[in-house]
Amino acid sequence: MSVANRMADRLQELLQQRALLKEHLAWLESEIAAASAGRIPAETRGTASPIAPAAVASPAPIPRAVSTPPFASTKRDREADLLLEKLAAEEKPTLPPSKAGCWLFFGGVLLILSLGTWALLRHFYA
């Protein structure tokens, strides 16, 4: 997975979390307004917070799916998407430069061990 894809996935995940938090804050505001007015809203009777566990036997409400992507809402988010697309287009898969050095080191060590083994055999069996 490329860096741009990971950044895009992370950005999307963060934006989804932000949308969920905004939804939860809106729910809290409605609960606070209802509590300050001394009434309980009909849609929240018998349920708990969408994030907190249910205090009663009824199931917690199912979070609503976001119909439009939240990341297309601001100019800054659109600029970030354009930058990610640009970086993804420029990315070229290449081998890391240390790979060739590792093979050279491995070959050198193998050569030294081979010569050492040959010298020991020659010395003791000659």
N, C-alpha and C. Protein backbone atom coordinates (compact mmCIF):
# COMPACT_ATOMS: atom_id res chain seq x y z
N MET A 1 0.86 -1.17 0.00
CA MET A 1 0.00 0.00 0.00
C MET A 1 0.90 1.23 0.00
N SER A 2 0.63 2.19 -0.85
CA SER A 2 1.49 3.35 -0.96
C SER A 2 1.21 4.34 0.18
N VAL A 3 2.13 5.26 0.31
CA VAL A 3 2.03 6.27 1.37
C VAL A 3 0.79 7.13 1.16
N ALA A 4 0.54 7.49 -0.09
CA ALA A 4 -0.63 8.32 -0.38
C ALA A 4 -1.93 7.60 -0.04
N ASN A 5 -1.99 6.31 -0.33
CA ASN A 5 -3.21 5.54 0.00
C ASN A 5 -3.39 5.45 1.50
N ARG A 6 -2.28 5.22 2.23
CA ARG A 6 -2.39 5.15 3.68
C ARG A 6 -2.82 6.49 4.26
N MET A 7 -2.28 7.58 3.69
CA MET A 7 -2.66 8.91 4.17
C MET A 7 -4.13 9.18 3.87
N ALA A 8 -4.58 8.77 2.70
CA ALA A 8 -5.98 8.99 2.33
C ALA A 8 -6.90 8.17 3.23
N ASP A 9 -6.52 6.91 3.51
CA ASP A 9 -7.32 6.07 4.40
C ASP A 9 -7.37 6.66 5.80
N ARG A 10 -6.22 7.11 6.30
CA ARG A 10 -6.16 7.70 7.64
C ARG A 10 -7.00 8.98 7.69
N LEU A 11 -6.90 9.80 6.64
CA LEU A 11 -7.69 11.03 6.59
C LEU A 11 -9.17 10.72 6.58
N GLN A 12 -9.58 9.74 5.79
CA GLN A 12 -11.00 9.38 5.73
C GLN A 12 -11.47 8.87 7.09
N GLU A 13 -10.64 8.06 7.75
CA GLU A 13 -11.00 7.53 9.06
C GLU A 13 -11.17 8.66 10.08
N LEU A 14 -10.24 9.62 10.05
CA LEU A 14 -10.33 10.74 10.98
C LEU A 14 -11.57 11.60 10.71
N LEU A 15 -11.86 11.80 9.44
CA LEU A 15 -13.04 12.61 9.11
C LEU A 15 -14.33 11.89 9.50
N GLN A 16 -14.36 10.57 9.38
CA GLN A 16 -15.54 9.83 9.82
C GLN A 16 -15.69 9.92 11.33
N GLN A 17 -14.57 9.85 12.05
CA GLN A 17 -14.62 9.99 13.51
C GLN A 17 -15.13 11.38 13.89
N ARG A 18 -14.67 12.42 13.15
CA ARG A 18 -15.13 13.77 13.42
C ARG A 18 -16.64 13.89 13.18
N ALA A 19 -17.14 13.26 12.12
CA ALA A 19 -18.57 13.29 11.83
C ALA A 19 -19.36 12.60 12.94
N LEU A 20 -18.84 11.48 13.44
CA LEU A 20 -19.51 10.78 14.54
C LEU A 20 -19.52 11.63 15.81
N LEU A 21 -18.42 12.31 16.07
CA LEU A 21 -18.36 13.18 17.25
C LEU A 21 -19.34 14.34 17.12
N LYS A 22 -19.44 14.92 15.92
CA LYS A 22 -20.40 16.01 15.71
C LYS A 22 -21.82 15.51 15.93
N GLU A 23 -22.12 14.31 15.45
CA GLU A 23 -23.44 13.73 15.66
C GLU A 23 -23.71 13.52 17.15
N HIS A 24 -22.71 13.03 17.86
CA HIS A 24 -22.86 12.81 19.29
C HIS A 24 -23.04 14.14 20.04
N LEU A 25 -22.30 15.18 19.64
CA LEU A 25 -22.45 16.49 20.27
C LEU A 25 -23.84 17.06 20.02
N ALA A 26 -24.37 16.86 18.81
CA ALA A 26 -25.72 17.33 18.52
C ALA A 26 -26.73 16.60 19.41
N TRP A 27 -26.54 15.31 19.60
CA TRP A 27 -27.41 14.54 20.48
C TRP A 27 -27.31 15.06 21.92
N LEU A 28 -26.09 15.34 22.38
CA LEU A 28 -25.92 15.88 23.73
C LEU A 28 -26.61 17.23 23.89
N GLU A 29 -26.49 18.08 22.88
CA GLU A 29 -27.15 19.39 22.93
C GLU A 29 -28.66 19.23 23.04
N SER A 30 -29.23 18.30 22.29
CA SER A 30 -30.68 18.10 22.37
C SER A 30 -31.07 17.55 23.75
N GLU A 31 -30.26 16.66 24.31
CA GLU A 31 -30.53 16.14 25.65
C GLU A 31 -30.43 17.23 26.70
N ILE A 32 -29.43 18.09 26.58
CA ILE A 32 -29.27 19.19 27.53
C ILE A 32 -30.45 20.16 27.43
N ALA A 33 -30.85 20.47 26.20
CA ALA A 33 -32.00 21.36 26.01
C ALA A 33 -33.26 20.74 26.58
N ALA A 34 -33.44 19.44 26.39
CA ALA A 34 -34.63 18.77 26.92
C ALA A 34 -34.59 18.72 28.43
N ALA A 35 -33.42 18.47 29.00
CA ALA A 35 -33.32 18.40 30.46
C ALA A 35 -33.52 19.77 31.09
N SER A 36 -33.02 20.81 30.45
CA SER A 36 -33.20 22.15 31.00
C SER A 36 -34.66 22.61 30.89
N ALA A 37 -35.41 22.08 29.91
CA ALA A 37 -36.82 22.42 29.77
C ALA A 37 -37.69 21.48 30.61
N GLY A 38 -37.10 20.45 31.19
CA GLY A 38 -37.84 19.54 32.05
C GLY A 38 -38.64 18.51 31.29
N ARG A 39 -38.26 18.21 30.07
CA ARG A 39 -38.99 17.21 29.29
C ARG A 39 -37.98 16.23 28.68
N ILE A 40 -38.49 15.09 28.21
CA ILE A 40 -37.66 14.09 27.56
C ILE A 40 -38.10 13.99 26.11
N PRO A 41 -37.18 14.19 25.16
CA PRO A 41 -37.57 14.08 23.75
C PRO A 41 -38.07 12.67 23.43
N ALA A 42 -39.06 12.59 22.56
CA ALA A 42 -39.69 11.31 22.24
C ALA A 42 -38.73 10.33 21.58
N GLU A 43 -37.81 10.83 20.74
CA GLU A 43 -36.93 9.91 20.02
C GLU A 43 -35.84 9.31 20.90
N THR A 44 -35.63 9.87 22.11
CA THR A 44 -34.57 9.34 22.98
C THR A 44 -35.12 8.64 24.21
N ARG A 45 -36.44 8.54 24.35
CA ARG A 45 -37.00 7.84 25.50
C ARG A 45 -36.63 6.37 25.47
N GLY A 46 -36.08 5.87 26.58
CA GLY A 46 -35.75 4.46 26.69
C GLY A 46 -34.44 4.07 26.01
N THR A 47 -33.67 5.05 25.54
CA THR A 47 -32.37 4.74 24.93
C THR A 47 -31.30 5.55 25.61
N ALA A 48 -30.10 5.11 25.45
CA ALA A 48 -28.96 5.83 26.01
C ALA A 48 -28.25 6.58 24.89
N SER A 49 -27.15 7.17 25.24
CA SER A 49 -26.33 7.88 24.27
C SER A 49 -25.90 6.93 23.17
N PRO A 50 -25.72 7.43 21.92
CA PRO A 50 -25.26 6.54 20.86
C PRO A 50 -23.88 5.95 21.14
N ILE A 51 -23.12 6.56 22.03
CA ILE A 51 -21.78 6.08 22.32
C ILE A 51 -21.76 5.31 23.64
N ALA A 52 -22.51 5.78 24.66
CA ALA A 52 -22.52 5.11 25.96
C ALA A 52 -23.36 3.85 25.89
N PRO A 53 -23.09 2.85 26.74
CA PRO A 53 -23.92 1.65 26.75
C PRO A 53 -25.33 1.96 27.23
N ALA A 54 -26.27 1.16 26.82
CA ALA A 54 -27.67 1.39 27.17
C ALA A 54 -27.89 1.12 28.65
N ALA A 55 -28.65 2.01 29.29
CA ALA A 55 -28.93 1.87 30.71
C ALA A 55 -30.16 1.01 30.94
N VAL A 56 -30.98 0.85 29.91
CA VAL A 56 -32.19 0.06 30.01
C VAL A 56 -32.10 -1.11 29.04
N ALA A 57 -33.13 -1.94 29.02
CA ALA A 57 -33.09 -3.15 28.20
C ALA A 57 -33.21 -2.89 26.71
N SER A 58 -33.66 -1.70 26.31
CA SER A 58 -33.82 -1.44 24.88
C SER A 58 -32.46 -1.26 24.21
N PRO A 59 -32.36 -1.64 22.94
CA PRO A 59 -31.07 -1.54 22.25
C PRO A 59 -30.68 -0.09 21.99
N ALA A 60 -29.39 0.15 21.90
CA ALA A 60 -28.89 1.49 21.59
C ALA A 60 -29.23 1.83 20.15
N PRO A 61 -29.41 3.11 19.85
CA PRO A 61 -29.74 3.48 18.47
C PRO A 61 -28.59 3.17 17.52
N ILE A 62 -28.94 2.81 16.30
CA ILE A 62 -27.94 2.51 15.29
C ILE A 62 -27.47 3.83 14.69
N PRO A 63 -26.13 4.05 14.61
CA PRO A 63 -25.65 5.30 14.03
C PRO A 63 -26.07 5.41 12.57
N ARG A 64 -26.41 6.61 12.17
CA ARG A 64 -26.82 6.84 10.79
C ARG A 64 -25.61 6.84 9.87
N ALA A 65 -25.81 6.33 8.66
CA ALA A 65 -24.74 6.35 7.67
C ALA A 65 -24.66 7.74 7.06
N VAL A 66 -23.47 8.19 6.81
CA VAL A 66 -23.27 9.49 6.19
C VAL A 66 -23.50 9.33 4.70
N SER A 67 -24.48 10.07 4.16
CA SER A 67 -24.84 9.90 2.76
C SER A 67 -23.85 10.60 1.83
N THR A 68 -23.30 11.73 2.25
CA THR A 68 -22.32 12.42 1.44
C THR A 68 -20.98 12.36 2.16
N PRO A 69 -19.90 12.29 1.41
CA PRO A 69 -18.60 12.23 2.07
C PRO A 69 -18.31 13.53 2.82
N PRO A 70 -17.96 13.45 4.10
CA PRO A 70 -17.73 14.66 4.87
C PRO A 70 -16.46 15.38 4.48
N PHE A 71 -15.57 14.71 3.75
CA PHE A 71 -14.29 15.32 3.44
C PHE A 71 -14.36 16.31 2.28
N ALA A 72 -15.49 16.45 1.61
CA ALA A 72 -15.62 17.38 0.50
C ALA A 72 -16.29 18.68 0.94
N SER A 73 -16.31 18.96 2.25
CA SER A 73 -17.08 20.08 2.74
C SER A 73 -16.32 21.40 2.77
N THR A 74 -15.03 21.39 2.99
CA THR A 74 -14.32 22.65 3.12
C THR A 74 -13.24 22.78 2.06
N LYS A 75 -12.80 24.01 1.86
CA LYS A 75 -11.77 24.28 0.87
C LYS A 75 -10.46 23.60 1.27
N ARG A 76 -10.14 23.62 2.55
CA ARG A 76 -8.90 23.01 3.04
C ARG A 76 -8.90 21.50 2.79
N ASP A 77 -10.06 20.86 2.99
CA ASP A 77 -10.16 19.42 2.74
C ASP A 77 -10.01 19.11 1.26
N ARG A 78 -10.59 19.94 0.40
CA ARG A 78 -10.45 19.73 -1.05
C ARG A 78 -8.99 19.90 -1.48
N GLU A 79 -8.30 20.89 -0.89
CA GLU A 79 -6.89 21.09 -1.21
C GLU A 79 -6.06 19.89 -0.76
N ALA A 80 -6.40 19.33 0.39
CA ALA A 80 -5.68 18.15 0.88
C ALA A 80 -5.91 16.97 -0.06
N ASP A 81 -7.14 16.79 -0.55
CA ASP A 81 -7.42 15.71 -1.49
C ASP A 81 -6.64 15.89 -2.79
N LEU A 82 -6.57 17.13 -3.28
CA LEU A 82 -5.81 17.39 -4.50
C LEU A 82 -4.32 17.09 -4.30
N LEU A 83 -3.79 17.46 -3.14
CA LEU A 83 -2.39 17.19 -2.85
C LEU A 83 -2.13 15.68 -2.78
N LEU A 84 -3.04 14.94 -2.15
CA LEU A 84 -2.87 13.49 -2.08
C LEU A 84 -2.92 12.85 -3.46
N GLU A 85 -3.80 13.34 -4.32
CA GLU A 85 -3.88 12.81 -5.68
C GLU A 85 -2.60 13.11 -6.45
N LYS A 86 -2.05 14.32 -6.26
CA LYS A 86 -0.81 14.70 -6.93
C LYS A 86 0.34 13.82 -6.46
N LEU A 87 0.43 13.60 -5.15
CA LEU A 87 1.50 12.77 -4.62
C LEU A 87 1.37 11.32 -5.09
N ALA A 88 0.15 10.82 -5.18
CA ALA A 88 -0.06 9.45 -5.64
C ALA A 88 0.36 9.30 -7.10
N ALA A 89 0.13 10.34 -7.91
CA ALA A 89 0.50 10.28 -9.32
C ALA A 89 2.02 10.33 -9.48
N GLU A 90 2.71 11.06 -8.59
CA GLU A 90 4.16 11.20 -8.69
C GLU A 90 4.92 10.01 -8.12
N GLU A 91 4.28 9.21 -7.32
CA GLU A 91 4.97 8.11 -6.65
C GLU A 91 5.41 7.04 -7.64
N LYS A 92 6.69 6.66 -7.54
CA LYS A 92 7.23 5.62 -8.40
C LYS A 92 7.79 4.52 -7.52
N PRO A 93 7.37 3.28 -7.74
CA PRO A 93 7.92 2.19 -6.93
C PRO A 93 9.38 1.92 -7.30
N THR A 94 10.28 2.03 -6.34
CA THR A 94 11.69 1.76 -6.55
C THR A 94 12.19 0.88 -5.42
N LEU A 95 13.28 0.17 -5.69
CA LEU A 95 13.90 -0.63 -4.65
C LEU A 95 14.66 0.30 -3.70
N PRO A 96 14.65 0.00 -2.44
CA PRO A 96 15.41 0.83 -1.52
C PRO A 96 16.90 0.73 -1.83
N PRO A 97 17.66 1.81 -1.67
CA PRO A 97 19.08 1.79 -2.01
C PRO A 97 19.88 0.84 -1.13
N SER A 98 19.42 0.51 0.06
CA SER A 98 20.16 -0.38 0.94
C SER A 98 20.11 -1.83 0.45
N LYS A 99 19.21 -2.16 -0.43
CA LYS A 99 19.07 -3.54 -0.91
C LYS A 99 20.34 -4.01 -1.62
N ALA A 100 20.89 -3.18 -2.51
CA ALA A 100 22.10 -3.55 -3.23
C ALA A 100 23.27 -3.68 -2.26
N GLY A 101 23.36 -2.79 -1.28
CA GLY A 101 24.42 -2.87 -0.29
C GLY A 101 24.33 -4.13 0.55
N CYS A 102 23.14 -4.56 0.85
CA CYS A 102 22.96 -5.80 1.62
C CYS A 102 23.46 -7.00 0.84
N TRP A 103 23.14 -7.05 -0.45
CA TRP A 103 23.60 -8.17 -1.27
C TRP A 103 25.12 -8.17 -1.40
N LEU A 104 25.72 -6.99 -1.55
CA LEU A 104 27.18 -6.90 -1.63
C LEU A 104 27.82 -7.38 -0.32
N PHE A 105 27.27 -6.96 0.79
CA PHE A 105 27.79 -7.39 2.09
C PHE A 105 27.67 -8.91 2.24
N PHE A 106 26.52 -9.46 1.88
CA PHE A 106 26.30 -10.90 1.95
C PHE A 106 27.31 -11.64 1.08
N GLY A 107 27.54 -11.18 -0.13
CA GLY A 107 28.51 -11.80 -1.03
C GLY A 107 29.92 -11.73 -0.46
N GLY A 108 30.29 -10.58 0.12
CA GLY A 108 31.62 -10.43 0.70
C GLY A 108 31.84 -11.36 1.88
N VAL A 109 30.86 -11.47 2.75
CA VAL A 109 30.97 -12.36 3.91
C VAL A 109 31.05 -13.81 3.44
N LEU A 110 30.25 -14.17 2.46
CA LEU A 110 30.29 -15.53 1.92
C LEU A 110 31.66 -15.84 1.31
N LEU A 111 32.23 -14.88 0.60
CA LEU A 111 33.56 -15.06 0.01
C LEU A 111 34.62 -15.23 1.09
N ILE A 112 34.57 -14.41 2.14
CA ILE A 112 35.55 -14.51 3.23
C ILE A 112 35.43 -15.85 3.95
N LEU A 113 34.20 -16.28 4.22
CA LEU A 113 34.02 -17.58 4.87
C LEU A 113 34.50 -18.74 3.99
N SER A 114 34.26 -18.63 2.70
CA SER A 114 34.72 -19.68 1.78
C SER A 114 36.23 -19.74 1.74
N LEU A 115 36.86 -18.57 1.65
CA LEU A 115 38.33 -18.55 1.62
C LEU A 115 38.92 -19.05 2.94
N GLY A 116 38.30 -18.68 4.06
CA GLY A 116 38.77 -19.16 5.36
C GLY A 116 38.64 -20.67 5.48
N THR A 117 37.54 -21.21 5.03
CA THR A 117 37.34 -22.66 5.07
C THR A 117 38.34 -23.36 4.17
N TRP A 118 38.56 -22.82 2.99
CA TRP A 118 39.54 -23.40 2.06
C TRP A 118 40.94 -23.38 2.67
N ALA A 119 41.31 -22.24 3.32
CA ALA A 119 42.64 -22.13 3.93
C ALA A 119 42.80 -23.12 5.07
N LEU A 120 41.78 -23.28 5.91
CA LEU A 120 41.86 -24.24 7.01
C LEU A 120 41.98 -25.66 6.50
N LEU A 121 41.19 -26.03 5.52
CA LEU A 121 41.27 -27.37 4.95
C LEU A 121 42.63 -27.62 4.30
N ARG A 122 43.12 -26.63 3.60
CA ARG A 122 44.43 -26.75 2.93
C ARG A 122 45.54 -26.92 3.97
N HIS A 123 45.44 -26.17 5.08
CA HIS A 123 46.47 -26.23 6.13
C HIS A 123 46.47 -27.57 6.85
N PHE A 124 45.31 -28.10 7.20
CA PHE A 124 45.24 -29.32 7.99
C PHE A 124 45.32 -30.60 7.15
N TYR A 125 44.90 -30.56 5.88
CA TYR A 125 44.88 -31.78 5.06
C TYR A 125 45.95 -31.75 3.97
N ALA A 126 46.83 -30.83 3.99
CA ALA A 126 47.84 -30.80 2.94
C ALA A 126 49.14 -31.43 3.36
